[in-house]
Amino acid sequence: MSLTVAGTVSDAHLAGVWVNGRTASLSGTTFTVMGALPDGHWTLVARAEDAAKNVAEASRQVSMDTREPIVEVRDPAPGTV
C-alpha cells in the first residue's frame, strides 16, 4: 500500500530531508515522501540535515492494515427464516 509522509522543517541552510532513508521532496518548509508500506507495525524516522552537518530527527509509530474484515453470520441458522 502506498503511504505519503509529510511534515515541516526549517533551517536557513537545509541540505535535505530523508524519511527511512528515502529522499523527501521540499517545497518551502514542507517535506513530502511517498513509498510502499506492507502490512505491519513500523517506525517512520524523518531526518533533516543542514549544510554544517547538524542533524535533527523525529519519529512516529504507524500501523498498516490493508486486509479486509471477515464477517460471519451465526444466527439465524441458514434456511431457518
N, C-alpha and C. Protein backbone atom coordinates (compact mmCIF):
# COMPACT_ATOMS: atom_id res chain seq x y z
N MET A 1 0.85 -1.17 0.00
CA MET A 1 0.00 0.00 0.00
C MET A 1 0.89 1.23 0.00
N SER A 2 0.47 2.25 -0.70
CA SER A 2 1.22 3.49 -0.79
C SER A 2 0.95 4.38 0.41
N LEU A 3 1.98 5.03 0.87
CA LEU A 3 1.88 5.92 2.02
C LEU A 3 2.59 7.22 1.70
N THR A 4 1.98 8.34 2.06
CA THR A 4 2.61 9.64 1.92
C THR A 4 2.94 10.17 3.31
N VAL A 5 4.19 10.53 3.51
CA VAL A 5 4.64 11.13 4.77
C VAL A 5 4.97 12.58 4.49
N ALA A 6 4.41 13.49 5.29
CA ALA A 6 4.65 14.91 5.09
C ALA A 6 4.89 15.57 6.44
N GLY A 7 5.65 16.65 6.43
CA GLY A 7 5.91 17.40 7.64
C GLY A 7 6.54 18.73 7.31
N THR A 8 6.98 19.42 8.34
CA THR A 8 7.62 20.71 8.13
C THR A 8 9.01 20.69 8.74
N VAL A 9 9.87 21.52 8.17
CA VAL A 9 11.25 21.64 8.62
C VAL A 9 11.69 23.07 8.36
N SER A 10 12.53 23.60 9.23
CA SER A 10 13.05 24.94 8.97
C SER A 10 14.52 25.02 9.35
N ASP A 11 15.28 25.53 8.44
CA ASP A 11 16.69 25.78 8.65
C ASP A 11 17.15 26.64 7.48
N ALA A 12 17.86 27.71 7.77
CA ALA A 12 18.31 28.62 6.72
C ALA A 12 19.26 27.94 5.73
N HIS A 13 19.91 26.86 6.17
CA HIS A 13 20.90 26.18 5.33
C HIS A 13 20.61 24.69 5.22
N LEU A 14 19.34 24.36 5.02
CA LEU A 14 18.91 22.96 4.95
C LEU A 14 19.55 22.26 3.76
N ALA A 15 20.16 21.11 4.03
CA ALA A 15 20.77 20.32 2.96
C ALA A 15 19.80 19.28 2.41
N GLY A 16 18.93 18.73 3.28
CA GLY A 16 17.97 17.73 2.81
C GLY A 16 17.21 17.10 3.94
N VAL A 17 16.15 16.37 3.55
CA VAL A 17 15.33 15.61 4.49
C VAL A 17 15.16 14.22 3.92
N TRP A 18 15.21 13.21 4.79
CA TRP A 18 15.05 11.82 4.41
C TRP A 18 14.06 11.18 5.38
N VAL A 19 13.25 10.28 4.87
CA VAL A 19 12.34 9.50 5.71
C VAL A 19 12.66 8.04 5.47
N ASN A 20 13.14 7.39 6.52
CA ASN A 20 13.58 5.99 6.43
C ASN A 20 14.53 5.78 5.26
N GLY A 21 15.42 6.74 5.07
CA GLY A 21 16.45 6.64 4.03
C GLY A 21 16.03 7.13 2.65
N ARG A 22 14.76 7.44 2.46
CA ARG A 22 14.29 7.93 1.16
C ARG A 22 14.33 9.45 1.14
N THR A 23 14.84 10.02 0.07
CA THR A 23 14.94 11.47 -0.06
C THR A 23 13.55 12.09 -0.21
N ALA A 24 13.26 13.08 0.61
CA ALA A 24 11.97 13.76 0.56
C ALA A 24 12.03 14.95 -0.39
N SER A 25 10.90 15.27 -1.00
CA SER A 25 10.76 16.49 -1.80
C SER A 25 10.55 17.66 -0.85
N LEU A 26 11.11 18.80 -1.20
CA LEU A 26 10.98 20.01 -0.38
C LEU A 26 10.26 21.09 -1.17
N SER A 27 9.31 21.75 -0.49
CA SER A 27 8.62 22.91 -1.05
C SER A 27 8.47 23.91 0.08
N GLY A 28 9.34 24.92 0.08
CA GLY A 28 9.38 25.85 1.21
C GLY A 28 9.82 25.11 2.46
N THR A 29 8.97 25.10 3.47
CA THR A 29 9.31 24.40 4.72
C THR A 29 8.61 23.04 4.83
N THR A 30 7.93 22.62 3.76
CA THR A 30 7.21 21.34 3.78
C THR A 30 8.00 20.26 3.05
N PHE A 31 8.09 19.09 3.69
CA PHE A 31 8.71 17.95 3.02
C PHE A 31 7.66 16.87 2.80
N THR A 32 7.85 16.10 1.72
CA THR A 32 6.93 15.02 1.37
C THR A 32 7.72 13.88 0.77
N VAL A 33 7.35 12.66 1.14
CA VAL A 33 7.94 11.47 0.53
C VAL A 33 6.84 10.42 0.43
N MET A 34 6.84 9.68 -0.68
CA MET A 34 5.87 8.61 -0.89
C MET A 34 6.62 7.29 -1.01
N GLY A 35 5.95 6.24 -0.59
CA GLY A 35 6.55 4.92 -0.73
C GLY A 35 5.56 3.84 -0.37
N ALA A 36 5.93 2.62 -0.68
CA ALA A 36 5.10 1.47 -0.35
C ALA A 36 5.40 1.03 1.08
N LEU A 37 4.34 0.60 1.77
CA LEU A 37 4.50 0.13 3.14
C LEU A 37 3.65 -1.13 3.29
N PRO A 38 4.28 -2.28 3.55
CA PRO A 38 3.49 -3.50 3.73
C PRO A 38 2.77 -3.51 5.08
N ASP A 39 1.81 -4.41 5.21
CA ASP A 39 1.09 -4.54 6.47
C ASP A 39 2.06 -4.78 7.62
N GLY A 40 1.74 -4.21 8.76
CA GLY A 40 2.56 -4.41 9.95
C GLY A 40 2.70 -3.12 10.74
N HIS A 41 3.53 -3.18 11.75
CA HIS A 41 3.81 -2.03 12.60
C HIS A 41 5.20 -1.50 12.23
N TRP A 42 5.30 -0.17 12.07
CA TRP A 42 6.51 0.43 11.54
C TRP A 42 6.88 1.68 12.33
N THR A 43 8.16 2.00 12.32
CA THR A 43 8.65 3.26 12.84
C THR A 43 9.12 4.08 11.66
N LEU A 44 8.53 5.26 11.48
CA LEU A 44 8.96 6.19 10.43
C LEU A 44 9.88 7.21 11.07
N VAL A 45 11.07 7.39 10.48
CA VAL A 45 12.04 8.34 11.02
C VAL A 45 12.35 9.38 9.95
N ALA A 46 12.02 10.64 10.26
CA ALA A 46 12.37 11.76 9.39
C ALA A 46 13.67 12.36 9.90
N ARG A 47 14.61 12.56 8.99
CA ARG A 47 15.94 13.07 9.36
C ARG A 47 16.25 14.28 8.49
N ALA A 48 16.54 15.39 9.13
CA ALA A 48 16.92 16.62 8.42
C ALA A 48 18.37 16.92 8.72
N GLU A 49 19.06 17.43 7.70
CA GLU A 49 20.48 17.77 7.87
C GLU A 49 20.72 19.13 7.21
N ASP A 50 21.52 19.96 7.88
CA ASP A 50 21.86 21.26 7.29
C ASP A 50 23.26 21.21 6.69
N ALA A 51 23.67 22.30 6.09
CA ALA A 51 24.97 22.37 5.41
C ALA A 51 26.15 22.14 6.35
N ALA A 52 25.97 22.44 7.64
CA ALA A 52 27.04 22.23 8.63
C ALA A 52 27.02 20.82 9.19
N LYS A 53 26.19 19.94 8.63
CA LYS A 53 26.05 18.54 9.05
C LYS A 53 25.37 18.38 10.40
N ASN A 54 24.65 19.41 10.87
CA ASN A 54 23.81 19.26 12.06
C ASN A 54 22.58 18.45 11.66
N VAL A 55 22.15 17.56 12.54
CA VAL A 55 21.06 16.63 12.24
C VAL A 55 19.97 16.74 13.29
N ALA A 56 18.72 16.65 12.84
CA ALA A 56 17.57 16.54 13.73
C ALA A 56 16.70 15.40 13.22
N GLU A 57 16.11 14.64 14.14
CA GLU A 57 15.25 13.53 13.76
C GLU A 57 13.93 13.59 14.53
N ALA A 58 12.89 13.08 13.89
CA ALA A 58 11.59 12.91 14.54
C ALA A 58 11.05 11.57 14.06
N SER A 59 10.38 10.85 14.94
CA SER A 59 9.85 9.54 14.55
C SER A 59 8.40 9.38 14.98
N ARG A 60 7.72 8.50 14.27
CA ARG A 60 6.33 8.17 14.57
C ARG A 60 6.13 6.67 14.37
N GLN A 61 5.33 6.07 15.23
CA GLN A 61 4.93 4.68 15.09
C GLN A 61 3.65 4.65 14.25
N VAL A 62 3.59 3.79 13.25
CA VAL A 62 2.39 3.65 12.43
C VAL A 62 2.07 2.17 12.24
N SER A 63 0.82 1.90 11.95
CA SER A 63 0.38 0.54 11.63
C SER A 63 -0.33 0.57 10.29
N MET A 64 -0.02 -0.40 9.45
CA MET A 64 -0.66 -0.53 8.14
C MET A 64 -1.45 -1.83 8.14
N ASP A 65 -2.74 -1.73 7.81
CA ASP A 65 -3.61 -2.90 7.75
C ASP A 65 -4.50 -2.78 6.52
N THR A 66 -4.18 -3.54 5.49
CA THR A 66 -4.94 -3.49 4.24
C THR A 66 -5.84 -4.71 4.07
N ARG A 67 -5.87 -5.59 5.06
CA ARG A 67 -6.69 -6.80 4.96
C ARG A 67 -8.17 -6.46 5.15
N GLU A 68 -9.02 -7.15 4.39
CA GLU A 68 -10.46 -6.97 4.51
C GLU A 68 -10.94 -7.62 5.80
N PRO A 69 -11.99 -7.06 6.40
CA PRO A 69 -12.55 -7.70 7.59
C PRO A 69 -13.27 -9.00 7.22
N ILE A 70 -13.39 -9.90 8.17
CA ILE A 70 -14.10 -11.16 7.99
C ILE A 70 -15.42 -11.06 8.75
N VAL A 71 -16.53 -11.34 8.07
CA VAL A 71 -17.85 -11.28 8.68
C VAL A 71 -18.48 -12.66 8.60
N GLU A 72 -19.04 -13.12 9.72
CA GLU A 72 -19.71 -14.41 9.76
C GLU A 72 -21.05 -14.23 10.48
N VAL A 73 -22.14 -14.68 9.83
CA VAL A 73 -23.47 -14.63 10.45
C VAL A 73 -23.74 -16.01 11.04
N ARG A 74 -24.00 -16.08 12.35
CA ARG A 74 -24.24 -17.35 13.03
C ARG A 74 -25.70 -17.58 13.39
N ASP A 75 -26.46 -16.50 13.52
CA ASP A 75 -27.85 -16.64 13.92
C ASP A 75 -28.68 -15.62 13.17
N PRO A 76 -29.69 -16.00 12.47
CA PRO A 76 -30.31 -17.33 12.44
C PRO A 76 -29.53 -18.28 11.53
N ALA A 77 -29.68 -19.54 11.81
CA ALA A 77 -29.01 -20.58 11.02
C ALA A 77 -29.54 -20.54 9.58
N PRO A 78 -28.71 -20.92 8.60
CA PRO A 78 -29.15 -20.90 7.21
C PRO A 78 -30.43 -21.74 7.03
N GLY A 79 -31.40 -21.18 6.29
CA GLY A 79 -32.63 -21.89 5.97
C GLY A 79 -33.68 -21.87 7.05
N THR A 80 -33.48 -21.15 8.18
CA THR A 80 -34.49 -21.17 9.25
C THR A 80 -35.40 -19.96 9.22
N VAL A 81 -35.17 -19.02 8.35
CA VAL A 81 -36.04 -17.84 8.29
C VAL A 81 -36.82 -17.85 7.00
